[in-house]
Amino acid sequence: MGIKFKTNHDEMLHKVKKESKQLSNDVSFNALFNKKFMSKYTNFSSFAELLTDGNFVVDSKKDFADIPKKELDKHLTHCTKFTSWKEMYSKAGDEYFGSNSKL
């Protein structure tokens, strides 16, 4: 005799993905790129220091979005353990959600 679940697996997976996406939209850069993360993977203690060192002026989400990807990637290659923004952001998310998981 097995256990029967009333929940559809696809429906459950969809809910988890939706909630994860919402959570990722709500997480601040300060939470993702906390002092521990920055010290471990970069030459800086904060994300703001990293941006300042690269001569990037960021006062808003738009300012950050307007940074040319190649320039940001080049800066990250020189002062972090990452070769791209995508790689750094992905690692920060993995560590944040891994350490803050309620599962």
N, C-alpha and C. Protein backbone atom coordinates (compact mmCIF):
# COMPACT_ATOMS: atom_id res chain seq x y z
N MET A 1 0.84 -1.18 0.00
CA MET A 1 0.00 0.00 0.00
C MET A 1 0.88 1.24 0.00
N GLY A 2 0.75 2.06 -1.01
CA GLY A 2 1.54 3.27 -1.13
C GLY A 2 0.78 4.51 -0.71
N ILE A 3 1.51 5.57 -0.56
CA ILE A 3 0.91 6.85 -0.20
C ILE A 3 0.47 7.55 -1.48
N LYS A 4 -0.72 8.08 -1.50
CA LYS A 4 -1.23 8.80 -2.66
C LYS A 4 -1.23 10.29 -2.36
N PHE A 5 -0.69 11.05 -3.30
CA PHE A 5 -0.67 12.50 -3.18
C PHE A 5 -1.74 13.09 -4.08
N LYS A 6 -2.44 14.07 -3.59
CA LYS A 6 -3.49 14.71 -4.38
C LYS A 6 -2.93 15.85 -5.24
N THR A 7 -1.69 16.25 -5.00
CA THR A 7 -1.11 17.38 -5.70
C THR A 7 -0.47 16.93 -7.02
N ASN A 8 -0.75 17.63 -8.06
CA ASN A 8 -0.15 17.39 -9.36
C ASN A 8 1.30 17.89 -9.31
N HIS A 9 2.26 17.06 -9.69
CA HIS A 9 3.67 17.43 -9.62
C HIS A 9 3.99 18.64 -10.49
N ASP A 10 3.43 18.71 -11.68
CA ASP A 10 3.67 19.85 -12.56
C ASP A 10 3.16 21.15 -11.92
N GLU A 11 1.99 21.06 -11.29
CA GLU A 11 1.42 22.23 -10.63
C GLU A 11 2.31 22.68 -9.47
N MET A 12 2.80 21.71 -8.71
CA MET A 12 3.67 22.02 -7.59
C MET A 12 4.97 22.66 -8.08
N LEU A 13 5.56 22.10 -9.12
CA LEU A 13 6.79 22.63 -9.68
C LEU A 13 6.58 24.05 -10.18
N HIS A 14 5.46 24.30 -10.83
CA HIS A 14 5.13 25.64 -11.32
C HIS A 14 5.05 26.63 -10.16
N LYS A 15 4.41 26.23 -9.06
CA LYS A 15 4.29 27.10 -7.89
C LYS A 15 5.66 27.42 -7.30
N VAL A 16 6.51 26.41 -7.19
CA VAL A 16 7.84 26.62 -6.62
C VAL A 16 8.65 27.58 -7.50
N LYS A 17 8.60 27.38 -8.81
CA LYS A 17 9.32 28.27 -9.72
C LYS A 17 8.81 29.69 -9.63
N LYS A 18 7.49 29.85 -9.55
CA LYS A 18 6.89 31.17 -9.46
C LYS A 18 7.31 31.86 -8.16
N GLU A 19 7.27 31.14 -7.06
CA GLU A 19 7.66 31.71 -5.77
C GLU A 19 9.15 32.03 -5.75
N SER A 20 9.97 31.19 -6.34
CA SER A 20 11.41 31.44 -6.40
C SER A 20 11.71 32.69 -7.19
N LYS A 21 11.00 32.85 -8.31
CA LYS A 21 11.21 34.04 -9.14
C LYS A 21 10.81 35.30 -8.37
N GLN A 22 9.70 35.24 -7.66
CA GLN A 22 9.26 36.39 -6.87
C GLN A 22 10.28 36.71 -5.79
N LEU A 23 10.79 35.69 -5.12
CA LEU A 23 11.80 35.91 -4.09
C LEU A 23 13.05 36.55 -4.67
N SER A 24 13.49 36.08 -5.83
CA SER A 24 14.70 36.63 -6.43
C SER A 24 14.50 38.09 -6.82
N ASN A 25 13.29 38.47 -7.18
CA ASN A 25 13.02 39.87 -7.51
C ASN A 25 13.02 40.74 -6.26
N ASP A 26 12.77 40.15 -5.10
CA ASP A 26 12.68 40.90 -3.86
C ASP A 26 14.00 40.97 -3.09
N VAL A 27 15.01 40.24 -3.51
CA VAL A 27 16.28 40.20 -2.79
C VAL A 27 17.15 41.37 -3.23
N SER A 28 17.64 42.12 -2.27
CA SER A 28 18.47 43.29 -2.59
C SER A 28 19.90 42.88 -2.92
N PHE A 29 20.62 43.75 -3.58
CA PHE A 29 22.02 43.51 -3.87
C PHE A 29 22.80 43.36 -2.55
N ASN A 30 22.43 44.14 -1.54
CA ASN A 30 23.12 44.05 -0.25
C ASN A 30 22.97 42.67 0.37
N ALA A 31 21.82 42.04 0.17
CA ALA A 31 21.61 40.69 0.70
C ALA A 31 22.37 39.67 -0.13
N LEU A 32 22.29 39.78 -1.45
CA LEU A 32 23.00 38.84 -2.33
C LEU A 32 24.51 38.97 -2.20
N PHE A 33 24.97 40.21 -2.24
CA PHE A 33 26.41 40.47 -2.22
C PHE A 33 26.81 41.00 -0.85
N ASN A 34 26.53 40.19 0.16
CA ASN A 34 26.84 40.58 1.53
C ASN A 34 28.35 40.56 1.76
N LYS A 35 28.75 41.05 2.92
CA LYS A 35 30.17 41.18 3.23
C LYS A 35 30.90 39.83 3.14
N LYS A 36 30.26 38.78 3.62
CA LYS A 36 30.87 37.45 3.58
C LYS A 36 31.14 37.02 2.13
N PHE A 37 30.13 37.18 1.27
CA PHE A 37 30.28 36.82 -0.14
C PHE A 37 31.38 37.66 -0.79
N MET A 38 31.32 38.96 -0.57
CA MET A 38 32.28 39.87 -1.21
C MET A 38 33.71 39.57 -0.76
N SER A 39 33.90 39.32 0.52
CA SER A 39 35.24 39.02 1.03
C SER A 39 35.77 37.70 0.48
N LYS A 40 34.88 36.76 0.30
CA LYS A 40 35.27 35.43 -0.18
C LYS A 40 35.65 35.43 -1.66
N TYR A 41 34.92 36.20 -2.47
CA TYR A 41 35.09 36.11 -3.92
C TYR A 41 35.66 37.35 -4.60
N THR A 42 35.83 38.45 -3.85
CA THR A 42 36.32 39.68 -4.48
C THR A 42 37.40 40.32 -3.62
N ASN A 43 37.93 41.43 -4.10
CA ASN A 43 38.91 42.21 -3.35
C ASN A 43 38.24 43.30 -2.52
N PHE A 44 36.93 43.23 -2.34
CA PHE A 44 36.17 44.29 -1.68
C PHE A 44 35.28 43.74 -0.57
N SER A 45 34.84 44.64 0.30
CA SER A 45 33.93 44.21 1.37
C SER A 45 32.49 44.56 1.06
N SER A 46 32.26 45.29 -0.03
CA SER A 46 30.88 45.62 -0.42
C SER A 46 30.78 45.73 -1.93
N PHE A 47 29.54 45.57 -2.40
CA PHE A 47 29.28 45.69 -3.84
C PHE A 47 29.51 47.14 -4.29
N ALA A 48 29.17 48.08 -3.43
CA ALA A 48 29.37 49.50 -3.75
C ALA A 48 30.85 49.80 -3.98
N GLU A 49 31.72 49.23 -3.15
CA GLU A 49 33.16 49.43 -3.33
C GLU A 49 33.62 48.87 -4.68
N LEU A 50 33.11 47.72 -5.04
CA LEU A 50 33.47 47.10 -6.31
C LEU A 50 33.09 48.03 -7.47
N LEU A 51 31.88 48.58 -7.41
CA LEU A 51 31.42 49.48 -8.47
C LEU A 51 32.26 50.76 -8.51
N THR A 52 32.53 51.32 -7.35
CA THR A 52 33.32 52.55 -7.28
C THR A 52 34.71 52.33 -7.86
N ASP A 53 35.32 51.20 -7.52
CA ASP A 53 36.65 50.88 -8.04
C ASP A 53 36.66 50.79 -9.57
N GLY A 54 35.55 50.37 -10.13
CA GLY A 54 35.44 50.26 -11.59
C GLY A 54 35.01 51.56 -12.26
N ASN A 55 34.90 52.63 -11.46
CA ASN A 55 34.44 53.94 -11.95
C ASN A 55 33.03 53.89 -12.52
N PHE A 56 32.20 53.03 -11.93
CA PHE A 56 30.81 52.93 -12.32
C PHE A 56 29.99 53.76 -11.33
N VAL A 57 29.24 54.72 -11.84
CA VAL A 57 28.38 55.54 -10.99
C VAL A 57 26.97 54.95 -11.05
N VAL A 58 26.53 54.43 -9.91
CA VAL A 58 25.24 53.74 -9.86
C VAL A 58 24.40 54.31 -8.72
N ASP A 59 23.35 55.02 -9.10
CA ASP A 59 22.42 55.57 -8.11
C ASP A 59 21.02 54.98 -8.25
N SER A 60 20.85 54.09 -9.24
CA SER A 60 19.53 53.49 -9.47
C SER A 60 19.70 52.18 -10.22
N LYS A 61 18.59 51.44 -10.31
CA LYS A 61 18.60 50.20 -11.08
C LYS A 61 18.92 50.48 -12.55
N LYS A 62 18.40 51.60 -13.05
CA LYS A 62 18.66 51.97 -14.44
C LYS A 62 20.15 52.23 -14.68
N ASP A 63 20.79 52.95 -13.73
CA ASP A 63 22.22 53.19 -13.86
C ASP A 63 22.99 51.88 -13.97
N PHE A 64 22.62 50.93 -13.11
CA PHE A 64 23.31 49.64 -13.15
C PHE A 64 23.04 48.92 -14.47
N ALA A 65 21.81 48.94 -14.91
CA ALA A 65 21.44 48.28 -16.17
C ALA A 65 22.14 48.91 -17.37
N ASP A 66 22.49 50.19 -17.24
CA ASP A 66 23.14 50.90 -18.35
C ASP A 66 24.65 50.66 -18.43
N ILE A 67 25.23 50.00 -17.45
CA ILE A 67 26.66 49.71 -17.51
C ILE A 67 26.89 48.73 -18.66
N PRO A 68 27.80 49.06 -19.57
CA PRO A 68 28.08 48.12 -20.67
C PRO A 68 28.58 46.78 -20.13
N LYS A 69 27.96 45.71 -20.58
CA LYS A 69 28.27 44.36 -20.09
C LYS A 69 29.75 44.03 -20.22
N LYS A 70 30.35 44.39 -21.34
CA LYS A 70 31.77 44.07 -21.54
C LYS A 70 32.66 44.79 -20.53
N GLU A 71 32.31 46.04 -20.20
CA GLU A 71 33.10 46.79 -19.22
C GLU A 71 32.97 46.18 -17.83
N LEU A 72 31.76 45.81 -17.46
CA LEU A 72 31.54 45.20 -16.16
C LEU A 72 32.25 43.85 -16.07
N ASP A 73 32.11 43.03 -17.11
CA ASP A 73 32.78 41.73 -17.13
C ASP A 73 34.29 41.88 -17.04
N LYS A 74 34.84 42.86 -17.73
CA LYS A 74 36.29 43.10 -17.70
C LYS A 74 36.73 43.48 -16.28
N HIS A 75 35.97 44.35 -15.64
CA HIS A 75 36.29 44.75 -14.27
C HIS A 75 36.21 43.56 -13.32
N LEU A 76 35.16 42.75 -13.45
CA LEU A 76 34.98 41.59 -12.58
C LEU A 76 36.10 40.57 -12.75
N THR A 77 36.59 40.43 -13.97
CA THR A 77 37.69 39.49 -14.25
C THR A 77 38.94 39.89 -13.49
N HIS A 78 39.15 41.21 -13.34
CA HIS A 78 40.37 41.70 -12.68
C HIS A 78 40.29 41.72 -11.15
N CYS A 79 39.09 41.82 -10.60
CA CYS A 79 39.01 42.03 -9.15
C CYS A 79 38.13 41.02 -8.42
N THR A 80 37.71 39.96 -9.11
CA THR A 80 36.91 38.92 -8.48
C THR A 80 37.39 37.55 -8.96
N LYS A 81 36.78 36.53 -8.45
CA LYS A 81 37.09 35.16 -8.89
C LYS A 81 36.18 34.73 -10.04
N PHE A 82 35.47 35.71 -10.64
CA PHE A 82 34.51 35.42 -11.70
C PHE A 82 34.97 35.99 -13.02
N THR A 83 34.45 35.41 -14.10
CA THR A 83 34.80 35.89 -15.44
C THR A 83 33.69 36.72 -16.07
N SER A 84 32.54 36.80 -15.37
CA SER A 84 31.43 37.58 -15.93
C SER A 84 30.43 37.95 -14.83
N TRP A 85 29.61 38.94 -15.14
CA TRP A 85 28.54 39.33 -14.23
C TRP A 85 27.55 38.18 -14.04
N LYS A 86 27.24 37.50 -15.12
CA LYS A 86 26.30 36.38 -15.06
C LYS A 86 26.80 35.32 -14.08
N GLU A 87 28.07 35.01 -14.15
CA GLU A 87 28.65 34.00 -13.26
C GLU A 87 28.61 34.48 -11.80
N MET A 88 28.96 35.73 -11.56
CA MET A 88 28.96 36.26 -10.20
C MET A 88 27.55 36.30 -9.62
N TYR A 89 26.62 36.78 -10.41
CA TYR A 89 25.22 36.88 -9.96
C TYR A 89 24.64 35.50 -9.66
N SER A 90 24.95 34.55 -10.51
CA SER A 90 24.48 33.18 -10.33
C SER A 90 25.03 32.57 -9.04
N LYS A 91 26.32 32.77 -8.78
CA LYS A 91 26.94 32.23 -7.57
C LYS A 91 26.35 32.89 -6.33
N ALA A 92 26.13 34.19 -6.39
CA ALA A 92 25.54 34.90 -5.24
C ALA A 92 24.13 34.36 -4.96
N GLY A 93 23.36 34.14 -6.01
CA GLY A 93 22.02 33.59 -5.84
C GLY A 93 22.05 32.19 -5.26
N ASP A 94 22.96 31.36 -5.77
CA ASP A 94 23.09 29.99 -5.26
C ASP A 94 23.42 30.01 -3.77
N GLU A 95 24.36 30.86 -3.39
CA GLU A 95 24.75 30.91 -1.98
C GLU A 95 23.66 31.51 -1.11
N TYR A 96 22.99 32.55 -1.60
CA TYR A 96 21.94 33.19 -0.82
C TYR A 96 20.78 32.23 -0.59
N PHE A 97 20.28 31.63 -1.67
CA PHE A 97 19.13 30.75 -1.54
C PHE A 97 19.49 29.43 -0.87
N GLY A 98 20.76 29.01 -1.02
CA GLY A 98 21.20 27.80 -0.33
C GLY A 98 21.26 28.01 1.17
N SER A 99 21.74 29.17 1.60
CA SER A 99 21.86 29.41 3.04
C SER A 99 20.56 29.91 3.66
N ASN A 100 19.62 30.35 2.85
CA ASN A 100 18.36 30.86 3.36
C ASN A 100 17.17 29.95 3.05
N SER A 101 17.49 28.73 2.61
CA SER A 101 16.44 27.79 2.26
C SER A 101 15.73 27.28 3.49
N LYS A 102 14.42 27.18 3.39
CA LYS A 102 13.62 26.68 4.50
C LYS A 102 13.29 25.20 4.31
N LEU A 103 13.84 24.60 3.27
CA LEU A 103 13.57 23.18 3.00
C LEU A 103 14.50 22.29 3.77
